[in-house]
Amino acid sequence: MKERIAVLDVLRGLAIIGTLGTNIWIFTDPLGPSGFLTHMPDPSTFAGQVEALLRSAANGKFLALLTLLFGIGLELQYRSALRRGARWPGWYLWRAALLFVEGLVHFVLVFEYDVLMSYAVTAMVVAYLIGRSDRAIRIWMVAAGSLHVAVVGLVTLAWVSAPPEAAAPAPIGRPDVFATGTYAEQVSERLAHWLDYRIEAIFIIPSSIVLFLLGAKLFRAGVFEPNPAGVRLRRIVMVAGFGVAAPLSALTSLGGPEWFLLERYVLAPFVALGIVGLVTTIVLRMRRPAGPLRTGFTTVGRTALSCYVFQNLVGSLLCYGWGFGLAVRLEHLRPWWVVGGLAGITALFTLGSWLWLRTFPRGPLEWVWHWAYTKPQRHPAPATTPDPALRQ
């Protein structure tokens, strides 16, 4: 169990850093989310080609990886409840409610595309499915997956069939608020156009149900085990992810923005499975003490919730008009300064998490979370209980 949890910490840290690798392009666009969605990199320039490649490399892969890890975290919580003889879902619903509140605050005050609210709703649904029979779980996965693929397919077909000028999404609200508006104006913009900014969080719920349940099934099947069965399973997901889905993802990215949904929401989850297999294989084969790279991923993974909020706060402060306004000031240096910003923010929260964990057993937001979760309970859960995907 100790080795498996160590692997999860590394994967969780990678997912958090990869999430910033996606969101950094939103922060650094002078028009914020509207610019990210409506203005694609210029393919006729070298800088535009590099940006398109980097955006495609992160597109949806780490969102799917984080979703899988949440499913594994839910499975760990379910097993812990069974061992303690506790009622299920019981207090786990309180945990999900706290996640929803945290996501709501994060959405209003920090970041338009917060994903935690969606995970909270998904967790409440999956909590009632996790203990069902394998047949019932398969039925739910097939039903939710079919609905998701059907919607993505229909929207993609409509975009491919539409004239080029009609396929581009319309700007959301007042795009210049991110470049010139005050902090209060940005908050007001999120509230005024909450459905536009929350549409992805709603849209991904069916696929999140599938990935939550798939993460639990992979854990049960032994994907993190060092035995031959685990090795075979990891090889299968790596072939599916890197041998099939990754090339198809690259092709869709070359096909233009009309294929964005297919790449992000259908192919990316398979690539995420390949990442799970590859990273697990590497970590389980390591026999030497952890080096700086693995230590960095692990510390970020152990303080994932704090790092997730921190990276979005810093990205907003650096890039938006109410802060340093670098998105406008350094626009002529895209994508090079964006890569530097990504590296700098990552180094900052990685070092911060490492220094924090030298003194405290959990991250600052994780500590608040633990207090809020255990305070109402007459018999709090032991501190050694494995935590879910964001070390809540």
Protein backbone atom coordinates (compact mmCIF):
# COMPACT_ATOMS: atom_id res chain seq x y z
CA MET A 1 0.00 0.00 0.00
CA LYS A 2 2.84 2.40 0.79
CA GLU A 3 4.33 1.96 -2.71
CA ARG A 4 0.93 2.42 -4.36
CA ILE A 5 0.22 5.63 -2.43
CA ALA A 6 3.70 6.91 -3.37
CA VAL A 7 2.84 6.37 -7.04
CA LEU A 8 -0.43 8.24 -6.58
CA ASP A 9 1.41 11.21 -5.06
CA VAL A 10 3.70 11.38 -8.11
CA LEU A 11 0.78 11.09 -10.53
CA ARG A 12 -1.19 13.70 -8.61
CA GLY A 13 1.72 16.12 -8.71
CA LEU A 14 2.13 15.56 -12.44
CA ALA A 15 -1.59 16.17 -12.98
CA ILE A 16 -1.49 19.47 -11.05
CA ILE A 17 1.53 20.73 -12.99
CA GLY A 18 -0.05 19.57 -16.26
CA THR A 19 -3.25 21.42 -15.36
CA LEU A 20 -1.24 24.62 -15.15
CA GLY A 21 0.23 23.68 -18.53
CA THR A 22 -3.31 23.97 -19.92
CA ASN A 23 -4.54 26.97 -17.92
CA ILE A 24 -1.43 29.09 -18.49
CA TRP A 25 -2.60 29.77 -22.05
CA ILE A 26 -5.84 31.23 -20.67
CA PHE A 27 -4.08 33.48 -18.17
CA THR A 28 -1.55 34.76 -20.71
CA ASP A 29 -4.04 35.60 -23.46
CA PRO A 30 -4.77 39.36 -23.43
CA LEU A 31 -8.49 38.58 -23.82
CA GLY A 32 -8.53 35.85 -21.20
CA PRO A 33 -10.80 32.84 -21.80
CA SER A 34 -12.42 34.45 -24.86
CA GLY A 35 -9.06 34.93 -26.51
CA PHE A 36 -8.01 31.38 -25.70
CA LEU A 37 -11.18 30.01 -27.32
CA THR A 38 -11.52 32.32 -30.32
CA HIS A 39 -7.97 33.14 -31.42
CA MET A 40 -5.92 30.15 -32.49
CA PRO A 41 -2.11 30.38 -32.92
CA ASP A 42 -0.97 31.44 -36.39
CA PRO A 43 0.19 28.24 -38.16
CA SER A 44 2.22 30.22 -40.70
CA THR A 45 4.79 31.30 -38.08
CA PHE A 46 7.27 29.24 -36.10
CA ALA A 47 6.07 30.78 -32.83
CA GLY A 48 2.47 29.91 -33.70
CA GLN A 49 3.43 26.32 -34.51
CA VAL A 50 5.25 25.95 -31.19
CA GLU A 51 2.29 27.35 -29.27
CA ALA A 52 -0.15 25.07 -31.09
CA LEU A 53 2.06 22.06 -30.28
CA LEU A 54 2.35 22.95 -26.60
CA ARG A 55 -1.37 23.63 -26.24
CA SER A 56 -2.22 20.34 -27.93
CA ALA A 57 0.24 18.40 -25.75
CA ALA A 58 -1.62 19.46 -22.60
CA ASN A 59 -5.14 19.65 -24.01
CA GLY A 60 -7.39 17.46 -21.86
CA LYS A 61 -4.72 14.94 -20.91
CA PHE A 62 -4.11 16.18 -17.39
CA LEU A 63 -7.76 17.01 -16.80
CA ALA A 64 -8.51 13.36 -17.54
CA LEU A 65 -5.57 12.21 -15.40
CA LEU A 66 -6.82 14.25 -12.45
CA THR A 67 -10.31 12.82 -12.95
CA LEU A 68 -8.99 9.26 -12.90
CA LEU A 69 -7.11 10.04 -9.69
CA PHE A 70 -10.26 11.38 -8.07
CA GLY A 71 -11.93 8.07 -8.87
CA ILE A 72 -9.05 6.20 -7.27
CA GLY A 73 -9.30 8.49 -4.25
CA LEU A 74 -12.99 7.71 -3.93
CA GLU A 75 -12.20 3.99 -4.07
CA LEU A 76 -9.67 4.44 -1.25
CA GLN A 77 -12.24 6.27 0.84
CA TYR A 78 -14.76 3.51 0.19
CA ARG A 79 -12.28 0.83 1.28
CA SER A 80 -11.40 2.81 4.38
CA ALA A 81 -15.08 3.05 5.32
CA LEU A 82 -15.51 -0.71 4.88
CA ARG A 83 -12.48 -1.44 7.07
CA ARG A 84 -13.80 0.81 9.83
CA GLY A 85 -17.32 -0.55 9.54
CA ALA A 86 -18.61 2.94 8.79
CA ARG A 87 -21.81 3.66 6.90
CA TRP A 88 -21.28 4.48 3.22
CA PRO A 89 -21.47 7.02 1.67
CA GLY A 90 -22.10 8.62 5.06
CA TRP A 91 -19.60 11.38 5.74
CA TYR A 92 -18.18 11.14 2.23
CA LEU A 93 -21.14 13.24 1.07
CA TRP A 94 -19.99 15.96 3.48
CA ARG A 95 -16.54 15.72 1.89
CA ALA A 96 -18.10 16.17 -1.56
CA ALA A 97 -20.17 19.12 -0.30
CA LEU A 98 -17.01 20.80 1.00
CA LEU A 99 -15.39 20.25 -2.38
CA PHE A 100 -18.35 21.92 -4.08
CA VAL A 101 -18.16 24.95 -1.76
CA GLU A 102 -14.40 25.24 -2.28
CA GLY A 103 -14.91 25.05 -6.04
CA LEU A 104 -17.63 27.69 -5.93
CA VAL A 105 -15.43 30.11 -3.97
CA HIS A 106 -12.53 29.36 -6.30
CA PHE A 107 -14.70 30.02 -9.36
CA VAL A 108 -16.09 33.32 -8.10
CA LEU A 109 -12.89 34.76 -6.65
CA VAL A 110 -10.07 33.21 -8.67
CA PHE A 111 -10.60 31.23 -11.87
CA GLU A 112 -13.37 30.92 -14.45
CA TYR A 113 -12.75 27.30 -15.34
CA ASP A 114 -12.53 25.71 -11.90
CA VAL A 115 -13.16 21.96 -12.14
CA LEU A 116 -13.76 21.13 -8.47
CA MET A 117 -17.49 21.87 -8.55
CA SER A 118 -17.91 19.33 -11.36
CA TYR A 119 -15.88 16.75 -9.43
CA ALA A 120 -18.04 17.33 -6.34
CA VAL A 121 -21.27 16.60 -8.23
CA THR A 122 -19.67 13.56 -9.89
CA ALA A 123 -18.43 12.27 -6.53
CA MET A 124 -21.93 12.43 -5.07
CA VAL A 125 -23.23 10.30 -7.94
CA VAL A 126 -20.37 7.80 -8.00
CA ALA A 127 -20.44 7.39 -4.21
CA TYR A 128 -23.73 5.52 -4.64
CA LEU A 129 -22.31 3.40 -7.49
CA ILE A 130 -18.89 2.40 -6.16
CA GLY A 131 -20.23 -0.45 -4.05
CA ARG A 132 -22.57 -1.84 -6.70
CA SER A 133 -21.91 -5.03 -8.68
CA ASP A 134 -19.48 -5.07 -11.59
CA ARG A 135 -22.42 -5.46 -13.96
CA ALA A 136 -24.16 -2.37 -12.59
CA ILE A 137 -20.95 -0.34 -12.81
CA ARG A 138 -20.40 -1.44 -16.42
CA ILE A 139 -23.96 -0.43 -17.34
CA TRP A 140 -23.45 3.03 -15.85
CA MET A 141 -20.09 3.42 -17.59
CA VAL A 142 -21.49 2.39 -20.96
CA ALA A 143 -24.55 4.63 -20.60
CA ALA A 144 -22.64 7.71 -19.44
CA GLY A 145 -19.84 7.11 -21.94
CA SER A 146 -22.26 6.68 -24.84
CA LEU A 147 -24.06 9.89 -23.94
CA HIS A 148 -20.77 11.78 -23.74
CA VAL A 149 -19.41 10.46 -27.04
CA ALA A 150 -22.72 11.08 -28.79
CA VAL A 151 -22.81 14.73 -27.70
CA VAL A 152 -19.16 15.29 -28.64
CA GLY A 153 -19.74 13.59 -31.99
CA LEU A 154 -22.81 15.66 -32.83
CA VAL A 155 -21.17 18.97 -31.89
CA THR A 156 -18.00 18.06 -33.80
CA LEU A 157 -20.05 17.10 -36.87
CA ALA A 158 -21.90 20.42 -36.68
CA TRP A 159 -18.63 22.36 -36.43
CA VAL A 160 -16.98 20.45 -39.28
CA SER A 161 -20.03 20.95 -41.50
CA ALA A 162 -20.45 24.64 -40.71
CA PRO A 163 -18.72 27.48 -42.62
CA PRO A 164 -15.38 28.48 -41.04
CA GLU A 165 -16.71 31.79 -39.76
CA ALA A 166 -19.65 30.06 -38.07
CA ALA A 167 -17.53 27.41 -36.35
CA ALA A 168 -15.58 29.88 -34.20
CA PRO A 169 -17.15 30.40 -30.74
CA ALA A 170 -18.39 33.88 -29.91
CA PRO A 171 -16.53 35.95 -27.30
CA ILE A 172 -17.87 35.73 -23.76
CA GLY A 173 -19.16 38.94 -22.21
CA ARG A 174 -16.62 41.74 -22.11
CA PRO A 175 -13.29 40.15 -23.13
CA ASP A 176 -11.18 43.23 -22.37
CA VAL A 177 -12.06 43.02 -18.67
CA PHE A 178 -9.11 40.65 -18.18
CA ALA A 179 -6.66 43.11 -19.69
CA THR A 180 -7.98 46.40 -18.31
CA GLY A 181 -10.66 45.67 -15.71
CA THR A 182 -10.37 45.78 -11.95
CA TYR A 183 -10.55 42.71 -9.75
CA ALA A 184 -14.13 43.55 -8.76
CA GLU A 185 -15.10 43.85 -12.43
CA GLN A 186 -13.64 40.42 -13.13
CA VAL A 187 -15.64 38.88 -10.29
CA SER A 188 -18.76 40.60 -11.61
CA GLU A 189 -18.02 39.27 -15.10
CA ARG A 190 -17.84 35.69 -13.81
CA LEU A 191 -21.15 36.04 -12.02
CA ALA A 192 -22.86 37.74 -14.97
CA HIS A 193 -21.76 35.00 -17.39
CA TRP A 194 -21.60 32.09 -14.97
CA LEU A 195 -23.29 29.64 -17.35
CA ASP A 196 -20.77 30.36 -20.14
CA TYR A 197 -17.92 29.69 -17.76
CA ARG A 198 -19.58 26.70 -16.09
CA ILE A 199 -20.68 24.95 -19.28
CA GLU A 200 -17.58 22.74 -19.38
CA ALA A 201 -18.04 21.76 -15.73
CA ILE A 202 -21.57 20.59 -16.58
CA PHE A 203 -20.61 19.06 -19.92
CA ILE A 204 -17.92 16.78 -18.48
CA ILE A 205 -20.07 15.19 -15.75
CA PRO A 206 -20.96 12.08 -17.84
CA SER A 207 -17.34 11.53 -18.85
CA SER A 208 -16.21 12.20 -15.26
CA ILE A 209 -18.57 9.47 -14.03
CA VAL A 210 -16.90 7.08 -16.47
CA LEU A 211 -13.38 8.11 -15.46
CA PHE A 212 -14.16 8.01 -11.73
CA LEU A 213 -15.46 4.45 -12.08
CA LEU A 214 -12.63 3.49 -14.44
CA GLY A 215 -10.05 4.76 -11.95
CA ALA A 216 -11.65 2.63 -9.23
CA LYS A 217 -11.74 -0.43 -11.51
CA LEU A 218 -8.09 0.02 -12.49
CA PHE A 219 -7.11 0.18 -8.84
CA ARG A 220 -9.08 -2.98 -8.09
CA ALA A 221 -7.54 -4.72 -11.11
CA GLY A 222 -4.04 -4.07 -9.72
CA VAL A 223 -2.67 -1.45 -12.12
CA PHE A 224 -0.36 -0.21 -9.33
CA GLU A 225 0.80 -3.68 -8.30
CA PRO A 226 4.40 -4.79 -9.07
CA ASN A 227 3.24 -8.31 -9.97
CA PRO A 228 2.92 -9.77 -13.53
CA ALA A 229 -0.81 -8.99 -13.71
CA GLY A 230 -0.10 -5.34 -12.95
CA VAL A 231 2.69 -5.27 -15.53
CA ARG A 232 0.37 -6.64 -18.23
CA LEU A 233 -2.36 -4.15 -17.37
CA ARG A 234 0.07 -1.24 -17.52
CA ARG A 235 1.33 -2.39 -20.91
CA ILE A 236 -2.22 -2.53 -22.22
CA VAL A 237 -3.07 1.03 -21.13
CA MET A 238 0.27 2.33 -22.45
CA VAL A 239 -0.36 0.81 -25.88
CA ALA A 240 -3.91 2.21 -25.93
CA GLY A 241 -2.73 5.61 -24.76
CA PHE A 242 0.52 6.16 -26.62
CA GLY A 243 0.20 3.73 -29.50
CA VAL A 244 -3.36 4.57 -30.58
CA ALA A 245 -4.84 7.64 -28.86
CA ALA A 246 -1.77 9.91 -28.91
CA PRO A 247 -1.26 9.73 -32.72
CA LEU A 248 -4.98 10.29 -33.28
CA SER A 249 -4.87 13.23 -30.89
CA ALA A 250 -2.01 14.74 -32.88
CA LEU A 251 -3.97 14.33 -36.10
CA THR A 252 -7.06 16.02 -34.68
CA SER A 253 -4.96 18.93 -33.42
CA LEU A 254 -3.68 19.41 -36.99
CA GLY A 255 -7.23 19.28 -38.32
CA GLY A 256 -8.17 22.64 -36.80
CA PRO A 257 -10.35 23.97 -33.97
CA GLU A 258 -13.38 22.03 -35.27
CA TRP A 259 -11.84 18.87 -33.80
CA PHE A 260 -11.07 20.43 -30.41
CA LEU A 261 -13.82 18.58 -28.51
CA LEU A 262 -12.87 15.20 -29.95
CA GLU A 263 -9.24 15.69 -28.98
CA ARG A 264 -9.95 17.06 -25.50
CA TYR A 265 -12.85 14.93 -24.34
CA VAL A 266 -12.57 11.60 -26.19
CA LEU A 267 -8.94 10.92 -27.09
CA ALA A 268 -7.24 12.69 -24.17
CA PRO A 269 -8.61 10.28 -21.51
CA PHE A 270 -6.95 7.36 -23.30
CA VAL A 271 -3.65 9.25 -23.35
CA ALA A 272 -4.12 9.83 -19.61
CA LEU A 273 -4.41 6.08 -19.15
CA GLY A 274 -1.08 5.71 -20.92
CA ILE A 275 0.44 8.26 -18.55
CA VAL A 276 -0.83 6.25 -15.57
CA GLY A 277 0.80 3.11 -16.95
CA LEU A 278 4.10 4.77 -17.82
CA VAL A 279 4.58 6.75 -14.61
CA THR A 280 3.61 3.78 -12.45
CA THR A 281 6.06 1.54 -14.29
CA ILE A 282 8.89 4.04 -13.84
CA VAL A 283 8.21 4.66 -10.14
CA LEU A 284 7.87 0.96 -9.29
CA ARG A 285 11.17 0.19 -11.00
CA MET A 286 13.06 2.83 -9.04
CA ARG A 287 15.29 1.33 -6.41
CA ARG A 288 17.36 4.38 -5.47
CA PRO A 289 16.15 7.09 -3.09
CA ALA A 290 13.92 9.68 -4.73
CA GLY A 291 15.80 12.38 -6.60
CA PRO A 292 14.81 16.05 -6.98
CA LEU A 293 12.36 15.40 -9.83
CA ARG A 294 10.40 12.68 -8.08
CA THR A 295 10.55 14.58 -4.78
CA GLY A 296 9.10 17.63 -6.52
CA PHE A 297 6.20 15.69 -8.02
CA THR A 298 5.56 13.99 -4.68
CA THR A 299 5.48 17.18 -2.63
CA VAL A 300 3.13 18.82 -5.12
CA GLY A 301 0.96 15.70 -5.03
CA ARG A 302 0.78 15.78 -1.24
CA THR A 303 -0.29 19.45 -1.29
CA ALA A 304 -2.25 19.29 -4.54
CA LEU A 305 -5.27 21.33 -3.47
CA SER A 306 -3.07 24.15 -2.16
CA CYS A 307 -0.90 24.09 -5.29
CA TYR A 308 -3.94 24.09 -7.58
CA VAL A 309 -5.41 27.22 -5.98
CA PHE A 310 -1.98 28.84 -5.61
CA GLN A 311 -1.06 28.44 -9.29
CA ASN A 312 -4.32 30.07 -10.37
CA LEU A 313 -3.89 32.94 -7.91
CA VAL A 314 -0.36 33.62 -9.12
CA GLY A 315 -1.36 33.26 -12.77
CA SER A 316 -4.14 35.82 -12.26
CA LEU A 317 -1.87 38.22 -10.38
CA LEU A 318 0.87 38.08 -13.00
CA CYS A 319 -1.27 38.20 -16.12
CA TYR A 320 -4.50 40.12 -15.53
CA GLY A 321 -4.96 43.88 -15.64
CA TRP A 322 -5.62 44.25 -11.91
CA GLY A 323 -2.20 42.68 -11.28
CA PHE A 324 1.02 43.04 -13.26
CA GLY A 325 -0.76 42.83 -16.63
CA LEU A 326 1.94 40.70 -18.26
CA ALA A 327 -0.52 39.15 -20.74
CA VAL A 328 -0.68 42.47 -22.59
CA ARG A 329 2.83 43.72 -21.88
CA LEU A 330 4.55 40.55 -23.11
CA GLU A 331 2.14 39.55 -25.88
CA HIS A 332 4.86 40.10 -28.50
CA LEU A 333 7.00 37.43 -26.78
CA ARG A 334 4.44 34.60 -27.05
CA PRO A 335 4.88 31.69 -26.64
CA TRP A 336 8.36 31.97 -25.15
CA TRP A 337 7.47 34.04 -22.12
CA VAL A 338 4.50 31.75 -21.46
CA VAL A 339 6.84 28.77 -21.20
CA GLY A 340 9.03 30.74 -18.83
CA GLY A 341 6.01 31.74 -16.76
CA LEU A 342 4.88 28.12 -16.55
CA ALA A 343 8.32 27.03 -15.38
CA GLY A 344 8.57 29.88 -12.87
CA ILE A 345 5.15 29.32 -11.27
CA THR A 346 5.78 25.57 -11.14
CA ALA A 347 9.14 26.06 -9.45
CA LEU A 348 7.58 28.48 -6.97
CA PHE A 349 4.81 26.21 -5.70
CA THR A 350 7.03 23.12 -5.86
CA LEU A 351 9.64 24.75 -3.64
CA GLY A 352 6.93 26.17 -1.39
CA SER A 353 5.27 22.78 -0.92
CA TRP A 354 8.63 21.15 -0.14
CA LEU A 355 9.46 23.78 2.49
CA TRP A 356 5.97 23.59 4.00
CA LEU A 357 6.02 19.79 4.31
CA ARG A 358 9.32 19.93 6.18
CA THR A 359 7.35 21.39 9.10
CA PHE A 360 3.73 20.39 8.59
CA PRO A 361 2.20 17.00 7.68
CA ARG A 362 -0.28 18.42 5.12
CA GLY A 363 -0.65 21.53 2.99
CA PRO A 364 -2.35 24.71 4.27
CA LEU A 365 -5.64 24.21 2.40
CA GLU A 366 -5.46 20.49 3.12
CA TRP A 367 -5.23 21.33 6.82
CA VAL A 368 -8.31 23.60 6.61
CA TRP A 369 -10.07 20.87 4.65
CA HIS A 370 -9.23 18.21 7.22
CA TRP A 371 -10.48 20.45 10.03
CA ALA A 372 -13.75 21.22 8.22
CA TYR A 373 -14.27 17.55 7.42
CA THR A 374 -13.57 16.15 10.87
CA LYS A 375 -15.02 18.96 13.04
CA PRO A 376 -18.70 17.93 12.71
CA GLN A 377 -17.94 14.25 13.29
CA ARG A 378 -18.16 12.71 16.72
CA HIS A 379 -15.40 10.23 15.80
CA PRO A 380 -13.06 11.84 13.23
CA ALA A 381 -11.40 9.65 10.62
CA PRO A 382 -7.84 8.63 11.53
CA ALA A 383 -5.13 10.87 10.08
CA THR A 384 -3.61 7.84 8.35
CA THR A 385 -6.70 7.27 6.16
CA PRO A 386 -5.64 7.53 2.51
CA ASP A 387 -6.88 10.80 1.09
CA PRO A 388 -8.58 11.24 -2.29
CA ALA A 389 -7.05 12.78 -5.37
CA LEU A 390 -6.42 16.27 -4.00
CA ARG A 391 -5.28 15.21 -0.52
CA GLN A 392 -8.41 16.83 0.88
